[in-house]
Amino acid sequence: MSDVIDPDGYRPNVGIILIRDDGSVFWARRAWRDGWQFPQGGMRSDETPLEAMYRELEEETGLLPEHVQVLGATPGWLRYRLPRKYLRHNEKPMCIGQKQVWFLLRFLGEESHVRLDATEAPEFDLWRWVDFWYPLAHVVPFKRDVYERALRHLAPLAETLRGMALVRIDQTVA
């Protein structure tokens, strides 16, 4: 199925922040690349954001709905633009970026349930648990703003899970 691109050039997408009870989040390395990120993926034209999230969760991590609890989502769309070098000028309509609904999911499963090879073309080849705010300093720069907006919005829900504040320690961004 081809990508759905809105009239403004943005591809509808979902982002997934998977959190353990200790406040750490799932962080994965793109297969055959150096970049690390949260699971995310495009929505099909016949899917709701929630349906797309569950499909992407299974495709990218092997996790099923019974392995997670939805704690919340960002309201509306959070957008980011792609750098010029990633634009495909020969494709019509041209995608200039992503618009995303971000979900915060509580991890209820066992680590053995995580299967990065759940599909024929895995998106990730490594994963680990990191501090809630760690991704801000370690995601590719063009996604940093959308990650910050998603994490800031979802932090209060993560804090209720832990019963304590997630203190943000601003790290020098390289």
C-alpha atoms as a PDB file:
ATOM      1  CA  MET A   1       0.000   0.000   0.000  1.00  0.00           C
ATOM      2  CA  SER A   2       1.413   3.384  -0.909  1.00  0.00           C
ATOM      3  CA  ASP A   3       2.026   6.078   1.655  1.00  0.00           C
ATOM      4  CA  VAL A   4      -0.810   8.397   2.505  1.00  0.00           C
ATOM      5  CA  ILE A   5       0.306  12.023   2.197  1.00  0.00           C
ATOM      6  CA  ASP A   6      -1.961  14.864   3.339  1.00  0.00           C
ATOM      7  CA  PRO A   7      -2.506  17.993   1.194  1.00  0.00           C
ATOM      8  CA  ASP A   8       0.256  19.818   3.121  1.00  0.00           C
ATOM      9  CA  GLY A   9       2.802  17.088   2.325  1.00  0.00           C
ATOM     10  CA  TYR A  10       2.840  15.309   5.697  1.00  0.00           C
ATOM     11  CA  ARG A  11       2.588  11.539   6.133  1.00  0.00           C
ATOM     12  CA  PRO A  12       0.238  10.474   8.968  1.00  0.00           C
ATOM     13  CA  ASN A  13       2.228   8.435  11.443  1.00  0.00           C
ATOM     14  CA  VAL A  14       2.174   7.059  14.981  1.00  0.00           C
ATOM     15  CA  GLY A  15       4.992   7.128  17.528  1.00  0.00           C
ATOM     16  CA  ILE A  16       5.317   4.723  20.447  1.00  0.00           C
ATOM     17  CA  ILE A  17       6.935   5.379  23.820  1.00  0.00           C
ATOM     18  CA  LEU A  18       7.031   2.078  25.677  1.00  0.00           C
ATOM     19  CA  ILE A  19       7.721   2.555  29.403  1.00  0.00           C
ATOM     20  CA  ARG A  20       8.510   0.163  32.227  1.00  0.00           C
ATOM     21  CA  ASP A  21       7.311   0.694  35.781  1.00  0.00           C
ATOM     22  CA  ASP A  22      10.765   2.023  36.720  1.00  0.00           C
ATOM     23  CA  GLY A  23      10.347   4.897  34.231  1.00  0.00           C
ATOM     24  CA  SER A  24      12.816   3.664  31.628  1.00  0.00           C
ATOM     25  CA  VAL A  25      11.758   3.628  27.981  1.00  0.00           C
ATOM     26  CA  PHE A  26      12.324   1.310  25.020  1.00  0.00           C
ATOM     27  CA  TRP A  27      15.036   2.624  22.668  1.00  0.00           C
ATOM     28  CA  ALA A  28      15.974   0.809  19.468  1.00  0.00           C
ATOM     29  CA  ARG A  29      18.600   1.027  16.737  1.00  0.00           C
ATOM     30  CA  ARG A  30      17.500   1.218  13.125  1.00  0.00           C
ATOM     31  CA  ALA A  31      18.568  -1.947  11.310  1.00  0.00           C
ATOM     32  CA  TRP A  32      21.749  -1.497   9.283  1.00  0.00           C
ATOM     33  CA  ARG A  33      22.047   2.139  10.374  1.00  0.00           C
ATOM     34  CA  ASP A  34      23.550   4.064  13.245  1.00  0.00           C
ATOM     35  CA  GLY A  35      20.406   5.927  14.387  1.00  0.00           C
ATOM     36  CA  TRP A  36      18.400   5.070  17.483  1.00  0.00           C
ATOM     37  CA  GLN A  37      14.735   5.992  17.949  1.00  0.00           C
ATOM     38  CA  PHE A  38      11.338   5.095  19.362  1.00  0.00           C
ATOM     39  CA  PRO A  39       9.168   2.762  17.285  1.00  0.00           C
ATOM     40  CA  GLN A  40       7.068   4.684  14.779  1.00  0.00           C
ATOM     41  CA  GLY A  41       5.327   4.068  11.496  1.00  0.00           C
ATOM     42  CA  GLY A  42       2.888   5.268   8.899  1.00  0.00           C
ATOM     43  CA  MET A  43      -0.855   4.971   9.117  1.00  0.00           C
ATOM     44  CA  ARG A  44      -2.871   3.269   6.412  1.00  0.00           C
ATOM     45  CA  SER A  45      -5.830   5.157   4.974  1.00  0.00           C
ATOM     46  CA  ASP A  46      -8.299   2.768   6.642  1.00  0.00           C
ATOM     47  CA  GLU A  47      -6.736   2.865  10.140  1.00  0.00           C
ATOM     48  CA  THR A  48      -7.312   4.921  13.242  1.00  0.00           C
ATOM     49  CA  PRO A  49      -4.179   6.058  15.105  1.00  0.00           C
ATOM     50  CA  LEU A  50      -4.845   3.390  17.756  1.00  0.00           C
ATOM     51  CA  GLU A  51      -5.141   0.613  15.151  1.00  0.00           C
ATOM     52  CA  ALA A  52      -1.944   1.811  13.440  1.00  0.00           C
ATOM     53  CA  MET A  53      -0.134   1.911  16.788  1.00  0.00           C
ATOM     54  CA  TYR A  54      -1.001  -1.718  17.596  1.00  0.00           C
ATOM     55  CA  ARG A  55       0.035  -2.836  14.089  1.00  0.00           C
ATOM     56  CA  GLU A  56       3.334  -0.933  14.253  1.00  0.00           C
ATOM     57  CA  LEU A  57       3.995  -2.188  17.787  1.00  0.00           C
ATOM     58  CA  GLU A  58       3.727  -5.792  16.611  1.00  0.00           C
ATOM     59  CA  GLU A  59       5.664  -5.214  13.362  1.00  0.00           C
ATOM     60  CA  GLU A  60       8.561  -3.387  15.006  1.00  0.00           C
ATOM     61  CA  THR A  61       8.807  -5.049  18.441  1.00  0.00           C
ATOM     62  CA  GLY A  62       6.824  -8.285  18.226  1.00  0.00           C
ATOM     63  CA  LEU A  63       4.683  -7.122  21.163  1.00  0.00           C
ATOM     64  CA  LEU A  64       0.934  -7.788  21.186  1.00  0.00           C
ATOM     65  CA  PRO A  65      -1.890  -5.758  22.777  1.00  0.00           C
ATOM     66  CA  GLU A  66      -1.822  -7.975  25.882  1.00  0.00           C
ATOM     67  CA  HIS A  67       1.830  -7.003  26.483  1.00  0.00           C
ATOM     68  CA  VAL A  68       0.998  -3.302  26.934  1.00  0.00           C
ATOM     69  CA  GLN A  69      -1.438  -0.882  28.539  1.00  0.00           C
ATOM     70  CA  VAL A  70      -2.247   2.392  26.770  1.00  0.00           C
ATOM     71  CA  LEU A  71      -1.619   5.193  29.280  1.00  0.00           C
ATOM     72  CA  GLY A  72      -2.334   8.088  26.951  1.00  0.00           C
ATOM     73  CA  ALA A  73      -1.685   9.859  23.671  1.00  0.00           C
ATOM     74  CA  THR A  74      -0.812  13.307  22.418  1.00  0.00           C
ATOM     75  CA  PRO A  75      -3.826  15.365  21.318  1.00  0.00           C
ATOM     76  CA  GLY A  76      -3.838  16.170  17.613  1.00  0.00           C
ATOM     77  CA  TRP A  77      -0.796  15.937  15.382  1.00  0.00           C
ATOM     78  CA  LEU A  78       2.841  16.710  16.185  1.00  0.00           C
ATOM     79  CA  ARG A  79       4.781  17.514  13.000  1.00  0.00           C
ATOM     80  CA  TYR A  80       8.386  17.422  11.875  1.00  0.00           C
ATOM     81  CA  ARG A  81       9.930  18.242   8.521  1.00  0.00           C
ATOM     82  CA  LEU A  82      12.425  16.004   6.801  1.00  0.00           C
ATOM     83  CA  PRO A  83      15.846  17.433   5.932  1.00  0.00           C
ATOM     84  CA  ARG A  84      16.209  18.334   2.236  1.00  0.00           C
ATOM     85  CA  LYS A  85      18.515  15.366   1.592  1.00  0.00           C
ATOM     86  CA  TYR A  86      15.678  12.956   2.529  1.00  0.00           C
ATOM     87  CA  LEU A  87      13.038  14.519   0.279  1.00  0.00           C
ATOM     88  CA  ARG A  88      12.071  12.413  -2.730  1.00  0.00           C
ATOM     89  CA  HIS A  89      11.422  15.110  -5.316  1.00  0.00           C
ATOM     90  CA  ASN A  90      10.386  12.574  -7.979  1.00  0.00           C
ATOM     91  CA  GLU A  91       7.455  11.244  -5.910  1.00  0.00           C
ATOM     92  CA  LYS A  92       4.021  12.792  -6.199  1.00  0.00           C
ATOM     93  CA  PRO A  93       2.648  13.835  -3.854  1.00  0.00           C
ATOM     94  CA  MET A  94       5.986  14.663  -2.258  1.00  0.00           C
ATOM     95  CA  CYS A  95       6.316  13.926   1.462  1.00  0.00           C
ATOM     96  CA  ILE A  96       7.948  16.848   3.310  1.00  0.00           C
ATOM     97  CA  GLY A  97       7.607  15.358   6.793  1.00  0.00           C
ATOM     98  CA  GLN A  98       5.581  13.362   9.259  1.00  0.00           C
ATOM     99  CA  LYS A  99       2.578  14.258  11.389  1.00  0.00           C
ATOM    100  CA  GLN A 100       2.318  11.988  14.379  1.00  0.00           C
ATOM    101  CA  VAL A 101       0.109  10.937  17.244  1.00  0.00           C
ATOM    102  CA  TRP A 102       2.339   9.670  20.057  1.00  0.00           C
ATOM    103  CA  PHE A 103       1.242   6.925  22.459  1.00  0.00           C
ATOM    104  CA  LEU A 104       2.619   6.155  25.906  1.00  0.00           C
ATOM    105  CA  LEU A 105       2.380   2.417  26.591  1.00  0.00           C
ATOM    106  CA  ARG A 106       3.097   0.655  29.855  1.00  0.00           C
ATOM    107  CA  PHE A 107       5.096  -2.526  29.271  1.00  0.00           C
ATOM    108  CA  LEU A 108       3.293  -5.462  30.901  1.00  0.00           C
ATOM    109  CA  GLY A 109       5.089  -8.327  29.184  1.00  0.00           C
ATOM    110  CA  GLU A 110       8.374 -10.106  29.666  1.00  0.00           C
ATOM    111  CA  GLU A 111      11.519  -9.047  27.837  1.00  0.00           C
ATOM    112  CA  SER A 112      11.377 -12.373  25.979  1.00  0.00           C
ATOM    113  CA  HIS A 113       8.191 -11.105  24.289  1.00  0.00           C
ATOM    114  CA  VAL A 114      10.232  -8.456  22.440  1.00  0.00           C
ATOM    115  CA  ARG A 115      10.994  -9.873  18.989  1.00  0.00           C
ATOM    116  CA  LEU A 116      12.679  -7.504  16.582  1.00  0.00           C
ATOM    117  CA  ASP A 117      12.506 -10.210  13.916  1.00  0.00           C
ATOM    118  CA  ALA A 118       8.697 -10.456  13.948  1.00  0.00           C
ATOM    119  CA  THR A 119       8.585  -9.431  10.260  1.00  0.00           C
ATOM    120  CA  GLU A 120      10.601 -10.342   7.155  1.00  0.00           C
ATOM    121  CA  ALA A 121      12.178  -6.867   7.061  1.00  0.00           C
ATOM    122  CA  PRO A 122      12.986  -5.874  10.665  1.00  0.00           C
ATOM    123  CA  GLU A 123      13.126  -2.133  11.388  1.00  0.00           C
ATOM    124  CA  PHE A 124      15.469  -2.537  14.367  1.00  0.00           C
ATOM    125  CA  ASP A 125      18.446  -4.750  15.163  1.00  0.00           C
ATOM    126  CA  LEU A 126      19.194  -3.774  18.800  1.00  0.00           C
ATOM    127  CA  TRP A 127      17.190  -2.387  21.704  1.00  0.00           C
ATOM    128  CA  ARG A 128      17.642  -1.370  25.324  1.00  0.00           C
ATOM    129  CA  TRP A 129      15.931   0.463  28.178  1.00  0.00           C
ATOM    130  CA  VAL A 130      17.044   4.071  28.731  1.00  0.00           C
ATOM    131  CA  ASP A 131      16.142   6.999  30.995  1.00  0.00           C
ATOM    132  CA  PHE A 132      12.887   8.764  30.036  1.00  0.00           C
ATOM    133  CA  TRP A 133      14.663  11.928  28.813  1.00  0.00           C
ATOM    134  CA  TYR A 134      17.686  10.190  27.228  1.00  0.00           C
ATOM    135  CA  PRO A 135      16.208  10.183  23.690  1.00  0.00           C
ATOM    136  CA  LEU A 136      16.197  14.000  23.516  1.00  0.00           C
ATOM    137  CA  ALA A 137      19.975  14.119  23.315  1.00  0.00           C
ATOM    138  CA  HIS A 138      20.363  11.002  21.178  1.00  0.00           C
ATOM    139  CA  VAL A 139      17.730  11.054  18.441  1.00  0.00           C
ATOM    140  CA  VAL A 140      18.607  12.497  15.025  1.00  0.00           C
ATOM    141  CA  PRO A 141      18.444  16.304  15.227  1.00  0.00           C
ATOM    142  CA  PHE A 142      15.467  16.763  12.873  1.00  0.00           C
ATOM    143  CA  LYS A 143      13.260  14.657  15.201  1.00  0.00           C
ATOM    144  CA  ARG A 144      14.435  16.288  18.435  1.00  0.00           C
ATOM    145  CA  ASP A 145      11.678  18.917  18.678  1.00  0.00           C
ATOM    146  CA  VAL A 146       8.836  16.444  18.116  1.00  0.00           C
ATOM    147  CA  TYR A 147      10.390  14.062  20.656  1.00  0.00           C
ATOM    148  CA  GLU A 148      10.558  16.866  23.197  1.00  0.00           C
ATOM    149  CA  ARG A 149       6.925  17.847  22.627  1.00  0.00           C
ATOM    150  CA  ALA A 150       5.757  14.220  22.902  1.00  0.00           C
ATOM    151  CA  LEU A 151       7.815  13.490  26.024  1.00  0.00           C
ATOM    152  CA  ARG A 152       6.758  16.727  27.741  1.00  0.00           C
ATOM    153  CA  HIS A 153       3.095  16.015  27.057  1.00  0.00           C
ATOM    154  CA  LEU A 154       3.303  12.391  28.216  1.00  0.00           C
ATOM    155  CA  ALA A 155       5.655  12.936  31.211  1.00  0.00           C
ATOM    156  CA  PRO A 156       2.798  13.569  33.698  1.00  0.00           C
ATOM    157  CA  LEU A 157       1.275  10.181  32.780  1.00  0.00           C
ATOM    158  CA  ALA A 158       4.670   8.510  33.160  1.00  0.00           C
ATOM    159  CA  GLU A 159       5.117  10.216  36.533  1.00  0.00           C
ATOM    160  CA  THR A 160       1.818   8.809  37.826  1.00  0.00           C
ATOM    161  CA  LEU A 161       3.039   5.354  36.829  1.00  0.00           C
ATOM    162  CA  ARG A 162       6.182   5.784  38.910  1.00  0.00           C
ATOM    163  CA  GLY A 163       4.592   7.868  41.640  1.00  0.00           C
ATOM    164  CA  MET A 164       7.439  10.376  41.408  1.00  0.00           C
ATOM    165  CA  ALA A 165       8.676  13.180  39.202  1.00  0.00           C
ATOM    166  CA  LEU A 166      10.810  12.383  36.190  1.00  0.00           C
ATOM    167  CA  VAL A 167      13.487  14.985  36.721  1.00  0.00           C
ATOM    168  CA  ARG A 168      14.807  16.239  33.433  1.00  0.00           C
ATOM    169  CA  ILE A 169      18.519  16.700  33.393  1.00  0.00           C
ATOM    170  CA  ASP A 170      19.344  18.822  30.373  1.00  0.00           C
ATOM    171  CA  GLN A 171      22.256  17.232  28.644  1.00  0.00           C
ATOM    172  CA  THR A 172      24.538  18.980  26.229  1.00  0.00           C
ATOM    173  CA  VAL A 173      23.318  18.087  22.779  1.00  0.00           C
ATOM    174  CA  ALA A 174      26.150  17.217  20.450  1.00  0.00           C
END
